[in-house]
Amino acid sequence: MTLEKKDLKALEDLLAKHGYGVRYEKGTFKAGACMIKGLKQIVVNKHFNTEGKAICLLEMLLQMELNPELVSSEQYQLLEKYSSKKP
């Protein structure tokens, strides 16, 4: 599965609809979700390529309870395709 910039944007948009901000920071970490001053944030390593960033966001989204009314068909297809590839 190859993920492109449009896929990354779709995932960022889905997270925003669910109240999460996405930040790309440098450091020796992969990714994670946290609360910063009451704001829900996903922090991803900025040195990852586009596909690596998108995979991090997909993994976070698959752990969340999503409101189906906020998920577009494109976003749903991305989530389904990725979840079916995971062992």
PDB file of N, CA and C in Angstrom:
ATOM      1  N   MET A   1       0.856  -1.184   0.000  1.00  0.00           N
ATOM      2  CA  MET A   1       0.000   0.000   0.000  1.00  0.00           C
ATOM      3  C   MET A   1       0.894   1.236   0.000  1.00  0.00           C
ATOM      4  N   THR A   2       0.790   2.043  -1.023  1.00  0.00           N
ATOM      5  CA  THR A   2       1.560   3.275  -1.092  1.00  0.00           C
ATOM      6  C   THR A   2       0.650   4.445  -0.729  1.00  0.00           C
ATOM      7  N   LEU A   3       1.094   5.210   0.235  1.00  0.00           N
ATOM      8  CA  LEU A   3       0.317   6.371   0.681  1.00  0.00           C
ATOM      9  C   LEU A   3       0.979   7.640   0.167  1.00  0.00           C
ATOM     10  N   GLU A   4       0.172   8.551  -0.328  1.00  0.00           N
ATOM     11  CA  GLU A   4       0.670   9.784  -0.934  1.00  0.00           C
ATOM     12  C   GLU A   4       0.258  10.998  -0.107  1.00  0.00           C
ATOM     13  N   LYS A   5       0.683  12.180  -0.561  1.00  0.00           N
ATOM     14  CA  LYS A   5       0.359  13.417   0.155  1.00  0.00           C
ATOM     15  C   LYS A   5      -1.142  13.638   0.286  1.00  0.00           C
ATOM     16  N   LYS A   6      -1.903  13.281  -0.736  1.00  0.00           N
ATOM     17  CA  LYS A   6      -3.367  13.458  -0.668  1.00  0.00           C
ATOM     18  C   LYS A   6      -3.958  12.566   0.422  1.00  0.00           C
ATOM     19  N   ASP A   7      -3.383  11.376   0.600  1.00  0.00           N
ATOM     20  CA  ASP A   7      -3.847  10.472   1.657  1.00  0.00           C
ATOM     21  C   ASP A   7      -3.509  11.047   3.035  1.00  0.00           C
ATOM     22  N   LEU A   8      -2.304  11.582   3.159  1.00  0.00           N
ATOM     23  CA  LEU A   8      -1.888  12.199   4.424  1.00  0.00           C
ATOM     24  C   LEU A   8      -2.821  13.358   4.763  1.00  0.00           C
ATOM     25  N   LYS A   9      -3.158  14.175   3.786  1.00  0.00           N
ATOM     26  CA  LYS A   9      -4.060  15.310   3.995  1.00  0.00           C
ATOM     27  C   LYS A   9      -5.447  14.826   4.424  1.00  0.00           C
ATOM     28  N   ALA A  10      -5.937  13.760   3.796  1.00  0.00           N
ATOM     29  CA  ALA A  10      -7.249  13.207   4.154  1.00  0.00           C
ATOM     30  C   ALA A  10      -7.253  12.723   5.603  1.00  0.00           C
ATOM     31  N   LEU A  11      -6.169  12.107   6.039  1.00  0.00           N
ATOM     32  CA  LEU A  11      -6.069  11.621   7.416  1.00  0.00           C
ATOM     33  C   LEU A  11      -5.967  12.783   8.403  1.00  0.00           C
ATOM     34  N   GLU A  12      -5.202  13.811   8.043  1.00  0.00           N
ATOM     35  CA  GLU A  12      -5.104  15.005   8.894  1.00  0.00           C
ATOM     36  C   GLU A  12      -6.482  15.666   9.036  1.00  0.00           C
ATOM     37  N   ASP A  13      -7.226  15.725   7.939  1.00  0.00           N
ATOM     38  CA  ASP A  13      -8.563  16.321   7.966  1.00  0.00           C
ATOM     39  C   ASP A  13      -9.507  15.520   8.864  1.00  0.00           C
ATOM     40  N   LEU A  14      -9.421  14.197   8.792  1.00  0.00           N
ATOM     41  CA  LEU A  14     -10.264  13.345   9.628  1.00  0.00           C
ATOM     42  C   LEU A  14      -9.938  13.554  11.106  1.00  0.00           C
ATOM     43  N   LEU A  15      -8.661  13.637  11.434  1.00  0.00           N
ATOM     44  CA  LEU A  15      -8.270  13.889  12.823  1.00  0.00           C
ATOM     45  C   LEU A  15      -8.780  15.252  13.287  1.00  0.00           C
ATOM     46  N   ALA A  16      -8.687  16.252  12.419  1.00  0.00           N
ATOM     47  CA  ALA A  16      -9.169  17.598  12.772  1.00  0.00           C
ATOM     48  C   ALA A  16     -10.675  17.569  13.055  1.00  0.00           C
ATOM     49  N   LYS A  17     -11.439  16.816  12.271  1.00  0.00           N
ATOM     50  CA  LYS A  17     -12.884  16.703  12.488  1.00  0.00           C
ATOM     51  C   LYS A  17     -13.202  16.075  13.847  1.00  0.00           C
ATOM     52  N   HIS A  18     -12.276  15.277  14.355  1.00  0.00           N
ATOM     53  CA  HIS A  18     -12.455  14.614  15.647  1.00  0.00           C
ATOM     54  C   HIS A  18     -11.755  15.360  16.782  1.00  0.00           C
ATOM     55  N   GLY A  19     -11.327  16.593  16.498  1.00  0.00           N
ATOM     56  CA  GLY A  19     -10.780  17.445  17.546  1.00  0.00           C
ATOM     57  C   GLY A  19      -9.297  17.300  17.822  1.00  0.00           C
ATOM     58  N   TYR A  20      -8.561  16.636  16.946  1.00  0.00           N
ATOM     59  CA  TYR A  20      -7.125  16.454  17.137  1.00  0.00           C
ATOM     60  C   TYR A  20      -6.327  17.370  16.216  1.00  0.00           C
ATOM     61  N   GLY A  21      -5.280  17.945  16.746  1.00  0.00           N
ATOM     62  CA  GLY A  21      -4.316  18.673  15.937  1.00  0.00           C
ATOM     63  C   GLY A  21      -3.164  17.738  15.610  1.00  0.00           C
ATOM     64  N   VAL A  22      -2.523  17.935  14.491  1.00  0.00           N
ATOM     65  CA  VAL A  22      -1.370  17.119  14.108  1.00  0.00           C
ATOM     66  C   VAL A  22      -0.160  18.026  14.026  1.00  0.00           C
ATOM     67  N   ARG A  23       0.899  17.609  14.712  1.00  0.00           N
ATOM     68  CA  ARG A  23       2.155  18.364  14.693  1.00  0.00           C
ATOM     69  C   ARG A  23       3.271  17.455  14.218  1.00  0.00           C
ATOM     70  N   TYR A  24       4.184  18.022  13.437  1.00  0.00           N
ATOM     71  CA  TYR A  24       5.348  17.289  12.963  1.00  0.00           C
ATOM     72  C   TYR A  24       6.564  17.922  13.617  1.00  0.00           C
ATOM     73  N   GLU A  25       7.225  17.158  14.478  1.00  0.00           N
ATOM     74  CA  GLU A  25       8.357  17.658  15.252  1.00  0.00           C
ATOM     75  C   GLU A  25       9.548  16.729  15.064  1.00  0.00           C
ATOM     76  N   LYS A  26      10.744  17.261  15.273  1.00  0.00           N
ATOM     77  CA  LYS A  26      11.928  16.411  15.179  1.00  0.00           C
ATOM     78  C   LYS A  26      12.264  15.851  16.552  1.00  0.00           C
ATOM     79  N   GLY A  27      12.867  14.676  16.539  1.00  0.00           N
ATOM     80  CA  GLY A  27      13.243  14.026  17.778  1.00  0.00           C
ATOM     81  C   GLY A  27      13.506  12.554  17.537  1.00  0.00           C
ATOM     82  N   THR A  28      13.753  11.831  18.610  1.00  0.00           N
ATOM     83  CA  THR A  28      14.051  10.402  18.507  1.00  0.00           C
ATOM     84  C   THR A  28      12.841   9.587  18.946  1.00  0.00           C
ATOM     85  N   PHE A  29      11.724   9.831  18.333  1.00  0.00           N
ATOM     86  CA  PHE A  29      10.481   9.148  18.653  1.00  0.00           C
ATOM     87  C   PHE A  29       9.759   8.814  17.361  1.00  0.00           C
ATOM     88  N   LYS A  30       8.745   7.953  17.460  1.00  0.00           N
ATOM     89  CA  LYS A  30       7.939   7.592  16.295  1.00  0.00           C
ATOM     90  C   LYS A  30       6.746   8.536  16.201  1.00  0.00           C
ATOM     91  N   ALA A  31       5.784   8.353  17.069  1.00  0.00           N
ATOM     92  CA  ALA A  31       4.588   9.200  17.077  1.00  0.00           C
ATOM     93  C   ALA A  31       3.810   8.913  18.352  1.00  0.00           C
ATOM     94  N   GLY A  32       2.902   9.813  18.680  1.00  0.00           N
ATOM     95  CA  GLY A  32       2.078   9.589  19.853  1.00  0.00           C
ATOM     96  C   GLY A  32       0.990  10.628  19.971  1.00  0.00           C
ATOM     97  N   ALA A  33       0.007  10.321  20.801  1.00  0.00           N
ATOM     98  CA  ALA A  33      -1.088  11.241  21.069  1.00  0.00           C
ATOM     99  C   ALA A  33      -0.941  11.745  22.490  1.00  0.00           C
ATOM    100  N   CYS A  34      -1.273  13.000  22.716  1.00  0.00           N
ATOM    101  CA  CYS A  34      -1.159  13.566  24.052  1.00  0.00           C
ATOM    102  C   CYS A  34      -2.078  14.774  24.182  1.00  0.00           C
ATOM    103  N   MET A  35      -2.224  15.235  25.399  1.00  0.00           N
ATOM    104  CA  MET A  35      -2.968  16.462  25.679  1.00  0.00           C
ATOM    105  C   MET A  35      -1.942  17.539  26.020  1.00  0.00           C
ATOM    106  N   ILE A  36      -1.989  18.651  25.317  1.00  0.00           N
ATOM    107  CA  ILE A  36      -1.104  19.782  25.589  1.00  0.00           C
ATOM    108  C   ILE A  36      -1.999  20.973  25.899  1.00  0.00           C
ATOM    109  N   LYS A  37      -1.947  21.422  27.151  1.00  0.00           N
ATOM    110  CA  LYS A  37      -2.782  22.539  27.591  1.00  0.00           C
ATOM    111  C   LYS A  37      -4.247  22.328  27.206  1.00  0.00           C
ATOM    112  N   GLY A  38      -4.736  21.104  27.421  1.00  0.00           N
ATOM    113  CA  GLY A  38      -6.136  20.798  27.155  1.00  0.00           C
ATOM    114  C   GLY A  38      -6.475  20.520  25.697  1.00  0.00           C
ATOM    115  N   LEU A  39      -5.494  20.579  24.806  1.00  0.00           N
ATOM    116  CA  LEU A  39      -5.736  20.312  23.392  1.00  0.00           C
ATOM    117  C   LEU A  39      -5.276  18.905  23.046  1.00  0.00           C
ATOM    118  N   LYS A  40      -6.078  18.182  22.264  1.00  0.00           N
ATOM    119  CA  LYS A  40      -5.692  16.843  21.824  1.00  0.00           C
ATOM    120  C   LYS A  40      -4.728  16.992  20.638  1.00  0.00           C
ATOM    121  N   GLN A  41      -3.548  16.416  20.786  1.00  0.00           N
ATOM    122  CA  GLN A  41      -2.519  16.542  19.754  1.00  0.00           C
ATOM    123  C   GLN A  41      -1.958  15.174  19.374  1.00  0.00           C
ATOM    124  N   ILE A  42      -1.663  15.012  18.105  1.00  0.00           N
ATOM    125  CA  ILE A  42      -0.908  13.867  17.599  1.00  0.00           C
ATOM    126  C   ILE A  42       0.435  14.448  17.168  1.00  0.00           C
ATOM    127  N   VAL A  43       1.513  13.890  17.672  1.00  0.00           N
ATOM    128  CA  VAL A  43       2.851  14.365  17.326  1.00  0.00           C
ATOM    129  C   VAL A  43       3.548  13.259  16.545  1.00  0.00           C
ATOM    130  N   VAL A  44       4.038  13.603  15.356  1.00  0.00           N
ATOM    131  CA  VAL A  44       4.686  12.654  14.460  1.00  0.00           C
ATOM    132  C   VAL A  44       6.090  13.179  14.149  1.00  0.00           C
ATOM    133  N   ASN A  45       7.032  12.263  14.022  1.00  0.00           N
ATOM    134  CA  ASN A  45       8.403  12.638  13.696  1.00  0.00           C
ATOM    135  C   ASN A  45       8.446  13.275  12.300  1.00  0.00           C
ATOM    136  N   LYS A  46       8.944  14.490  12.217  1.00  0.00           N
ATOM    137  CA  LYS A  46       8.947  15.234  10.948  1.00  0.00           C
ATOM    138  C   LYS A  46       9.933  14.677   9.931  1.00  0.00           C
ATOM    139  N   HIS A  47      10.845  13.802  10.373  1.00  0.00           N
ATOM    140  CA  HIS A  47      11.833  13.244   9.452  1.00  0.00           C
ATOM    141  C   HIS A  47      11.312  12.016   8.706  1.00  0.00           C
ATOM    142  N   PHE A  48      10.116  11.550   9.060  1.00  0.00           N
ATOM    143  CA  PHE A  48       9.513  10.433   8.326  1.00  0.00           C
ATOM    144  C   PHE A  48       9.119  10.908   6.934  1.00  0.00           C
ATOM    145  N   ASN A  49       9.131   9.985   5.983  1.00  0.00           N
ATOM    146  CA  ASN A  49       8.640  10.334   4.652  1.00  0.00           C
ATOM    147  C   ASN A  49       7.109  10.383   4.698  1.00  0.00           C
ATOM    148  N   THR A  50       6.490  10.765   3.612  1.00  0.00           N
ATOM    149  CA  THR A  50       5.034  10.938   3.570  1.00  0.00           C
ATOM    150  C   THR A  50       4.308   9.654   3.973  1.00  0.00           C
ATOM    151  N   GLU A  51       4.753   8.532   3.449  1.00  0.00           N
ATOM    152  CA  GLU A  51       4.091   7.267   3.773  1.00  0.00           C
ATOM    153  C   GLU A  51       4.237   6.934   5.254  1.00  0.00           C
ATOM    154  N   GLY A  52       5.408   7.154   5.835  1.00  0.00           N
ATOM    155  CA  GLY A  52       5.623   6.897   7.254  1.00  0.00           C
ATOM    156  C   GLY A  52       4.734   7.759   8.134  1.00  0.00           C
ATOM    157  N   LYS A  53       4.582   9.020   7.764  1.00  0.00           N
ATOM    158  CA  LYS A  53       3.698   9.924   8.516  1.00  0.00           C
ATOM    159  C   LYS A  53       2.254   9.443   8.434  1.00  0.00           C
ATOM    160  N   ALA A  54       1.824   9.066   7.224  1.00  0.00           N
ATOM    161  CA  ALA A  54       0.447   8.609   7.027  1.00  0.00           C
ATOM    162  C   ALA A  54       0.181   7.324   7.810  1.00  0.00           C
ATOM    163  N   ILE A  55       1.143   6.408   7.837  1.00  0.00           N
ATOM    164  CA  ILE A  55       0.968   5.160   8.581  1.00  0.00           C
ATOM    165  C   ILE A  55       0.817   5.442  10.070  1.00  0.00           C
ATOM    166  N   CYS A  56       1.602   6.378  10.591  1.00  0.00           N
ATOM    167  CA  CYS A  56       1.459   6.755  12.007  1.00  0.00           C
ATOM    168  C   CYS A  56       0.051   7.267  12.292  1.00  0.00           C
ATOM    169  N   LEU A  57      -0.462   8.126  11.412  1.00  0.00           N
ATOM    170  CA  LEU A  57      -1.808   8.667  11.611  1.00  0.00           C
ATOM    171  C   LEU A  57      -2.868   7.573  11.481  1.00  0.00           C
ATOM    172  N   LEU A  58      -2.691   6.663  10.525  1.00  0.00           N
ATOM    173  CA  LEU A  58      -3.625   5.550  10.375  1.00  0.00           C
ATOM    174  C   LEU A  58      -3.654   4.689  11.631  1.00  0.00           C
ATOM    175  N   GLU A  59      -2.484   4.399  12.183  1.00  0.00           N
ATOM    176  CA  GLU A  59      -2.426   3.580  13.396  1.00  0.00           C
ATOM    177  C   GLU A  59      -3.145   4.263  14.551  1.00  0.00           C
ATOM    178  N   MET A  60      -3.005   5.577  14.661  1.00  0.00           N
ATOM    179  CA  MET A  60      -3.713   6.316  15.711  1.00  0.00           C
ATOM    180  C   MET A  60      -5.231   6.262  15.483  1.00  0.00           C
ATOM    181  N   LEU A  61      -5.647   6.497  14.242  1.00  0.00           N
ATOM    182  CA  LEU A  61      -7.071   6.513  13.922  1.00  0.00           C
ATOM    183  C   LEU A  61      -7.730   5.160  14.181  1.00  0.00           C
ATOM    184  N   LEU A  62      -7.011   4.088  13.898  1.00  0.00           N
ATOM    185  CA  LEU A  62      -7.575   2.756  14.095  1.00  0.00           C
ATOM    186  C   LEU A  62      -7.768   2.415  15.569  1.00  0.00           C
ATOM    187  N   GLN A  63      -7.128   3.166  16.453  1.00  0.00           N
ATOM    188  CA  GLN A  63      -7.290   2.950  17.894  1.00  0.00           C
ATOM    189  C   GLN A  63      -8.411   3.809  18.480  1.00  0.00           C
ATOM    190  N   MET A  64      -8.918   4.738  17.702  1.00  0.00           N
ATOM    191  CA  MET A  64      -9.925   5.685  18.188  1.00  0.00           C
ATOM    192  C   MET A  64     -11.340   5.220  17.856  1.00  0.00           C
ATOM    193  N   GLU A  65     -12.288   5.713  18.641  1.00  0.00           N
ATOM    194  CA  GLU A  65     -13.696   5.535  18.295  1.00  0.00           C
ATOM    195  C   GLU A  65     -14.085   6.731  17.439  1.00  0.00           C
ATOM    196  N   LEU A  66     -14.314   6.467  16.164  1.00  0.00           N
ATOM    197  CA  LEU A  66     -14.608   7.542  15.222  1.00  0.00           C
ATOM    198  C   LEU A  66     -16.112   7.682  15.020  1.00  0.00           C
ATOM    199  N   ASN A  67     -16.533   8.920  14.815  1.00  0.00           N
ATOM    200  CA  ASN A  67     -17.920   9.202  14.480  1.00  0.00           C
ATOM    201  C   ASN A  67     -18.091   8.919  12.987  1.00  0.00           C
ATOM    202  N   PRO A  68     -18.865   7.896  12.613  1.00  0.00           N
ATOM    203  CA  PRO A  68     -18.999   7.542  11.199  1.00  0.00           C
ATOM    204  C   PRO A  68     -19.558   8.674  10.334  1.00  0.00           C
ATOM    205  N   GLU A  69     -20.295   9.590  10.931  1.00  0.00           N
ATOM    206  CA  GLU A  69     -20.854  10.704  10.165  1.00  0.00           C
ATOM    207  C   GLU A  69     -19.779  11.692   9.725  1.00  0.00           C
ATOM    208  N   LEU A  70     -18.606  11.637  10.355  1.00  0.00           N
ATOM    209  CA  LEU A  70     -17.518  12.562  10.031  1.00  0.00           C
ATOM    210  C   LEU A  70     -16.481  11.946   9.091  1.00  0.00           C
ATOM    211  N   VAL A  71     -16.681  10.691   8.713  1.00  0.00           N
ATOM    212  CA  VAL A  71     -15.707   9.980   7.877  1.00  0.00           C
ATOM    213  C   VAL A  71     -16.195   9.971   6.428  1.00  0.00           C
ATOM    214  N   SER A  72     -15.393  10.558   5.532  1.00  0.00           N
ATOM    215  CA  SER A  72     -15.754  10.559   4.104  1.00  0.00           C
ATOM    216  C   SER A  72     -15.501   9.171   3.522  1.00  0.00           C
ATOM    217  N   SER A  73     -16.032   8.925   2.334  1.00  0.00           N
ATOM    218  CA  SER A  73     -15.824   7.623   1.694  1.00  0.00           C
ATOM    219  C   SER A  73     -14.345   7.389   1.411  1.00  0.00           C
ATOM    220  N   GLU A  74     -13.622   8.429   1.012  1.00  0.00           N
ATOM    221  CA  GLU A  74     -12.176   8.308   0.756  1.00  0.00           C
ATOM    222  C   GLU A  74     -11.438   7.921   2.039  1.00  0.00           C
ATOM    223  N   GLN A  75     -11.775   8.574   3.129  1.00  0.00           N
ATOM    224  CA  GLN A  75     -11.130   8.279   4.409  1.00  0.00           C
ATOM    225  C   GLN A  75     -11.485   6.873   4.879  1.00  0.00           C
ATOM    226  N   TYR A  76     -12.728   6.488   4.703  1.00  0.00           N
ATOM    227  CA  TYR A  76     -13.161   5.149   5.091  1.00  0.00           C
ATOM    228  C   TYR A  76     -12.388   4.083   4.317  1.00  0.00           C
ATOM    229  N   GLN A  77     -12.206   4.304   3.023  1.00  0.00           N
ATOM    230  CA  GLN A  77     -11.468   3.350   2.192  1.00  0.00           C
ATOM    231  C   GLN A  77     -10.021   3.227   2.658  1.00  0.00           C
ATOM    232  N   LEU A  78      -9.402   4.350   3.006  1.00  0.00           N
ATOM    233  CA  LEU A  78      -8.020   4.309   3.524  1.00  0.00           C
ATOM    234  C   LEU A  78      -7.958   3.482   4.803  1.00  0.00           C
ATOM    235  N   LEU A  79      -8.873   3.730   5.721  1.00  0.00           N
ATOM    236  CA  LEU A  79      -8.890   3.003   6.990  1.00  0.00           C
ATOM    237  C   LEU A  79      -9.129   1.508   6.762  1.00  0.00           C
ATOM    238  N   GLU A  80     -10.063   1.178   5.894  1.00  0.00           N
ATOM    239  CA  GLU A  80     -10.365  -0.225   5.606  1.00  0.00           C
ATOM    240  C   GLU A  80      -9.183  -0.933   4.953  1.00  0.00           C
ATOM    241  N   LYS A  81      -8.590  -0.277   3.964  1.00  0.00           N
ATOM    242  CA  LYS A  81      -7.475  -0.879   3.244  1.00  0.00           C
ATOM    243  C   LYS A  81      -6.303  -1.148   4.189  1.00  0.00           C
ATOM    244  N   TYR A  82      -6.003  -0.192   5.045  1.00  0.00           N
ATOM    245  CA  TYR A  82      -4.868  -0.353   5.965  1.00  0.00           C
ATOM    246  C   TYR A  82      -5.173  -1.383   7.044  1.00  0.00           C
ATOM    247  N   SER A  83      -6.379  -1.369   7.593  1.00  0.00           N
ATOM    248  CA  SER A  83      -6.709  -2.302   8.672  1.00  0.00           C
ATOM    249  C   SER A  83      -6.720  -3.737   8.168  1.00  0.00           C
ATOM    250  N   SER A  84      -7.048  -3.960   6.902  1.00  0.00           N
ATOM    251  CA  SER A  84      -7.059  -5.315   6.348  1.00  0.00           C
ATOM    252  C   SER A  84      -5.647  -5.828   6.087  1.00  0.00           C
ATOM    253  N   LYS A  85      -4.661  -4.930   5.995  1.00  0.00           N
ATOM    254  CA  LYS A  85      -3.272  -5.338   5.758  1.00  0.00           C
ATOM    255  C   LYS A  85      -2.531  -5.648   7.044  1.00  0.00           C
ATOM    256  N   LYS A  86      -3.071  -5.199   8.178  1.00  0.00           N
ATOM    257  CA  LYS A  86      -2.412  -5.435   9.470  1.00  0.00           C
ATOM    258  C   LYS A  86      -2.654  -6.877   9.909  1.00  0.00           C
ATOM    259  N   PRO A  87      -1.636  -7.506  10.524  1.00  0.00           N
ATOM    260  CA  PRO A  87      -1.801  -8.890  10.988  1.00  0.00           C
ATOM    261  C   PRO A  87      -2.770  -8.981  12.143  1.00  0.00           C
TER     262      PRO A  87
END
